[in-house]
C-alpha cells in the first residue's frame, strides 16, 4: 500500500504522486508570514479558496474522499473563527476533522490540529489543555496525524537571538509513547522537514513549504515499517 503525506501548503496545490492514501496535516489555506508579521487571508477568503481551487485540486486526485485525510492547522482561521467549518467539513471532497478517528485502507488514523499557544494563531491550546485533548487518542491506531510535532523531533525553530531550539509538544510526545502508532505524521515547523524516530516509532515532518513560506518539498512517502534517524539532527 502506498501512502503519501503533505503539510503546510499555505495555499499551494502541489503535485501528488500515485498513491492509495493521502494525508494532509494542516495549514492548508492561504496565509503566510513576512519578517515575523502575518500576511493574512481572511477566514472568508480561505473558505472561498477551499470551495474553489482546493476542491478542484482535491477532486483531481484519483481517490475517494475517504482516502484523502485532512486536519487543520494554526493558519486555518476558517476552521476556528467562523461558523463555516461544519459546512466545509461536509462539502469538501476530502475527509477532514478535528480530534477524530478515521479509517481508510484498513488503517486507523487519529487526526488532531492543535499547536502550542503562541501569539494569536488559530487552533492553539495550553499544555494542560493539550494533555486533556491527547488523552482521548486511543491505543491501537496505525497513524497519528498532528499538525504540530512532538518535542524533540521535527521541531527545531528559531526562537530569537539567532537561537534554534526544540518547540514541539511534550504532551504529544507522551501520547506517542502511550499509544505507539506505526507512524506519526506532522508539520508546522517548516525548517524541520524530514524523517525521525522515537523509540522505534517513525516521525515524519511533511511540510512542503520552507521557512520563507515558499514551496520547497514534494509529498513524503510514509512507509509503516521504516524508522527514521533518532532525534532531530540538530
Protein backbone atom coordinates (compact mmCIF):
# COMPACT_ATOMS: atom_id res chain seq x y z
CA UNK A 1 0.00 0.00 0.00
CA UNK A 2 1.26 3.45 -0.93
CA UNK A 3 0.77 6.38 1.48
CA UNK A 4 1.96 9.95 0.91
CA UNK A 5 1.63 12.98 3.18
CA UNK A 6 1.96 16.75 2.99
CA UNK A 7 1.52 19.62 5.42
CA UNK A 8 1.78 23.41 5.45
CA UNK A 9 0.50 24.09 1.96
CA UNK A 10 -0.36 27.73 2.74
CA UNK A 11 -2.39 27.87 -0.45
CA UNK A 12 -0.05 25.84 -2.66
CA UNK A 13 -1.54 22.87 -4.50
CA UNK A 14 1.44 20.55 -5.06
CA UNK A 15 1.54 17.55 -7.34
CA UNK A 16 0.51 14.33 -5.61
CA UNK A 17 2.07 11.09 -6.90
CA UNK A 18 0.04 7.97 -7.44
CA UNK A 19 -0.99 6.70 -4.04
CA UNK A 20 -3.61 4.71 -2.15
CA UNK A 21 -3.92 7.20 0.73
CA UNK A 22 -3.18 10.92 1.04
CA UNK A 23 -2.68 12.60 4.43
CA UNK A 24 -2.67 16.40 4.86
CA UNK A 25 -1.51 17.54 8.31
CA UNK A 26 -2.83 21.10 8.44
CA UNK A 27 -2.11 24.69 7.39
CA UNK A 28 -4.00 24.01 4.21
CA UNK A 29 -5.27 27.52 3.48
CA UNK A 30 -3.59 30.63 2.03
CA UNK A 31 -1.88 32.59 4.83
CA UNK A 32 1.78 33.48 5.33
CA UNK A 33 4.34 35.42 7.36
CA UNK A 34 6.95 38.02 6.33
CA UNK A 35 9.58 39.32 8.78
CA UNK A 36 7.61 37.84 11.63
CA UNK A 37 4.36 39.57 10.63
CA UNK A 38 1.33 37.65 9.43
CA UNK A 39 0.14 38.41 5.89
CA UNK A 40 -3.50 37.45 6.37
CA UNK A 41 -6.10 35.82 4.27
CA UNK A 42 -9.47 36.34 5.93
CA UNK A 43 -11.46 33.28 7.00
CA UNK A 44 -13.98 34.16 4.29
CA UNK A 45 -11.20 34.30 1.69
CA UNK A 46 -9.98 30.91 2.93
CA UNK A 47 -13.48 29.44 2.59
CA UNK A 48 -13.76 30.67 -0.99
CA UNK A 49 -10.35 29.18 -1.79
CA UNK A 50 -11.35 25.85 -0.22
CA UNK A 51 -14.59 25.79 -2.21
CA UNK A 52 -12.76 26.74 -5.42
CA UNK A 53 -9.08 25.93 -6.16
CA UNK A 54 -8.59 23.47 -3.30
CA UNK A 55 -11.72 21.47 -4.12
CA UNK A 56 -10.79 21.30 -7.81
CA UNK A 57 -7.28 20.12 -6.90
CA UNK A 58 -8.55 17.53 -4.42
CA UNK A 59 -11.18 16.20 -6.81
CA UNK A 60 -8.50 15.69 -9.46
CA UNK A 61 -6.59 13.34 -7.14
CA UNK A 62 -7.98 9.94 -8.19
CA UNK A 63 -9.02 8.73 -4.75
CA UNK A 64 -12.40 8.67 -3.00
CA UNK A 65 -12.86 11.29 -0.24
CA UNK A 66 -12.36 8.70 2.50
CA UNK A 67 -8.79 8.16 1.25
CA UNK A 68 -7.88 11.86 1.38
CA UNK A 69 -7.48 12.56 5.11
CA UNK A 70 -7.08 16.17 6.30
CA UNK A 71 -6.81 18.05 9.56
CA UNK A 72 -6.45 21.79 10.10
CA UNK A 73 -3.54 23.89 11.41
CA UNK A 74 -2.81 27.17 13.15
CA UNK A 75 -3.10 29.23 9.93
CA UNK A 76 -6.52 27.77 9.08
CA UNK A 77 -8.57 30.51 10.73
CA UNK A 78 -11.66 29.44 8.79
CA UNK A 79 -11.78 26.29 10.95
CA UNK A 80 -11.97 28.20 14.23
CA UNK A 81 -13.17 31.78 13.85
CA UNK A 82 -16.25 31.42 11.66
CA UNK A 83 -19.31 29.21 11.53
CA UNK A 84 -18.13 27.79 8.19
CA UNK A 85 -16.14 24.79 9.42
CA UNK A 86 -19.05 22.38 9.78
CA UNK A 87 -20.31 23.18 6.29
CA UNK A 88 -16.83 22.83 4.78
CA UNK A 89 -16.19 19.51 6.52
CA UNK A 90 -19.42 18.21 4.95
CA UNK A 91 -18.88 19.59 1.46
CA UNK A 92 -15.16 19.33 0.68
CA UNK A 93 -14.09 16.30 -1.42
CA UNK A 94 -11.86 15.02 1.41
CA UNK A 95 -12.31 13.64 4.92
CA UNK A 96 -11.48 16.47 7.31
CA UNK A 97 -11.92 16.90 11.04
CA UNK A 98 -10.66 17.75 14.49
CA UNK A 99 -9.77 15.11 17.11
CA UNK A 100 -11.47 12.24 15.39
CA UNK A 101 -10.69 8.65 14.48
CA UNK A 102 -10.96 7.88 10.78
CA UNK A 103 -10.46 4.60 8.96
CA UNK A 104 -9.07 4.22 5.46
CA UNK A 105 -7.39 1.40 3.55
CA UNK A 106 -7.78 -0.84 6.57
CA UNK A 107 -5.85 1.64 8.76
CA UNK A 108 -6.96 3.61 11.81
CA UNK A 109 -5.84 7.25 11.90
CA UNK A 110 -6.34 9.87 14.62
CA UNK A 111 -6.25 13.45 13.26
CA UNK A 112 -5.65 16.44 15.54
CA UNK A 113 -4.94 20.10 14.57
CA UNK A 114 -3.62 21.74 17.73
CA UNK A 115 -0.42 23.71 18.33
CA UNK A 116 1.19 25.02 21.49
CA UNK A 117 -0.06 28.50 22.35
CA UNK A 118 1.90 31.33 20.75
CA UNK A 119 0.81 34.78 19.55
CA UNK A 120 -2.71 34.99 18.12
CA UNK A 121 -2.95 32.00 15.81
CA UNK A 122 -5.84 29.60 15.33
CA UNK A 123 -6.30 26.20 16.97
CA UNK A 124 -3.86 26.60 19.87
CA UNK A 125 -4.01 25.17 23.38
CA UNK A 126 -2.01 25.35 26.59
CA UNK A 127 0.00 22.29 27.66
CA UNK A 128 -2.66 21.48 30.26
CA UNK A 129 -5.42 21.64 27.64
CA UNK A 130 -3.37 19.55 25.22
CA UNK A 131 -2.86 16.85 27.84
CA UNK A 132 -6.64 16.54 28.18
CA UNK A 133 -7.20 16.55 24.40
CA UNK A 134 -4.49 13.99 23.67
CA UNK A 135 -5.79 11.71 26.43
CA UNK A 136 -8.60 10.83 24.01
CA UNK A 137 -6.19 9.39 21.43
CA UNK A 138 -6.75 5.64 21.58
CA UNK A 139 -4.08 2.97 21.68
CA UNK A 140 -4.02 0.66 18.69
CA UNK A 141 -4.14 3.33 15.99
CA UNK A 142 -1.90 2.94 12.95
CA UNK A 143 -1.09 6.59 12.20
CA UNK A 144 -1.28 9.63 14.47
CA UNK A 145 -1.70 12.80 12.39
CA UNK A 146 -0.93 16.02 14.27
CA UNK A 147 -0.34 19.49 12.91
CA UNK A 148 2.39 20.20 15.46
CA UNK A 149 5.37 17.87 16.06
CA UNK A 150 6.25 16.14 19.31
CA UNK A 151 9.02 17.63 21.42
CA UNK A 152 12.47 16.75 20.12
CA UNK A 153 11.55 15.53 16.65
CA UNK A 154 10.97 17.70 13.58
CA UNK A 155 10.57 20.73 15.84
CA UNK A 156 13.76 22.83 15.63
CA UNK A 157 12.88 26.51 15.17
CA UNK A 158 14.36 29.97 15.64
CA UNK A 159 13.27 31.41 18.99
CA UNK A 160 15.04 34.78 18.90
CA UNK A 161 18.61 35.93 19.10
CA UNK A 162 19.59 33.53 16.36
CA UNK A 163 18.99 30.53 18.65
CA UNK A 164 17.49 27.27 17.45
CA UNK A 165 15.50 25.26 19.97
CA UNK A 166 13.00 22.41 20.18
CA UNK A 167 9.47 23.84 20.21
CA UNK A 168 7.35 20.71 19.91
CA UNK A 169 4.80 19.35 22.34
CA UNK A 170 5.84 17.35 25.40
CA UNK A 171 2.22 16.21 25.73
CA UNK A 172 2.21 14.87 22.17
CA UNK A 173 5.47 13.01 22.79
CA UNK A 174 3.92 11.37 25.87
CA UNK A 175 0.89 10.43 23.78
CA UNK A 176 3.17 8.89 21.15
CA UNK A 177 4.81 6.77 23.85
CA UNK A 178 1.45 5.73 25.28
CA UNK A 179 -0.32 4.85 22.03
CA UNK A 180 2.68 3.62 19.99
CA UNK A 181 1.27 4.07 16.47
CA UNK A 182 3.10 2.72 13.46
CA UNK A 183 3.91 6.31 12.44
CA UNK A 184 3.31 9.92 13.41
CA UNK A 185 2.77 12.49 10.64
CA UNK A 186 3.11 16.20 11.42
CA UNK A 187 4.23 19.56 10.02
CA UNK A 188 4.02 23.10 11.45
CA UNK A 189 7.80 23.72 11.72
CA UNK A 190 8.78 24.23 8.11
CA UNK A 191 12.56 24.24 8.54
CA UNK A 192 12.41 20.87 10.33
CA UNK A 193 11.08 18.87 7.39
CA UNK A 194 12.34 15.30 7.48
CA UNK A 195 12.07 11.81 8.95
CA UNK A 196 12.97 10.94 12.54
CA UNK A 197 12.25 8.18 15.06
CA UNK A 198 11.46 7.97 18.77
CA UNK A 199 11.83 4.59 20.45
CA UNK A 200 11.43 2.88 17.09
CA UNK A 201 8.35 4.89 16.05
CA UNK A 202 8.81 6.77 12.74
CA UNK A 203 8.01 10.50 12.82
CA UNK A 204 7.57 12.41 9.58
CA UNK A 205 7.54 16.23 9.36
CA UNK A 206 5.98 16.58 5.92
CA UNK A 207 5.89 20.38 5.50
CA UNK A 208 6.03 21.29 1.82
CA UNK A 209 6.92 24.97 2.46
CA UNK A 210 10.25 26.21 3.74
CA UNK A 211 10.73 28.85 6.45
CA UNK A 212 10.14 31.58 3.82
CA UNK A 213 6.73 30.09 3.01
CA UNK A 214 7.96 29.01 -0.43
CA UNK A 215 7.08 25.62 -1.89
CA UNK A 216 10.23 23.55 -1.31
CA UNK A 217 9.39 19.87 -0.76
CA UNK A 218 7.45 17.17 -2.55
CA UNK A 219 4.93 14.86 -0.95
CA UNK A 220 6.57 12.46 1.52
CA UNK A 221 6.10 8.67 1.18
CA UNK A 222 5.03 7.13 4.51
CA UNK A 223 6.28 3.55 4.91
CA UNK A 224 4.90 1.98 8.06
CA UNK A 225 7.93 -0.22 8.69
CA UNK A 226 10.95 2.12 8.34
CA UNK A 227 12.06 4.20 11.34
CA UNK A 228 13.84 7.48 10.67
CA UNK A 229 17.01 8.80 12.26
CA UNK A 230 16.89 9.31 16.04
CA UNK A 231 16.36 12.82 17.33
CA UNK A 232 16.18 15.99 15.28
CA UNK A 233 19.58 16.07 13.68
CA UNK A 234 20.33 19.50 15.13
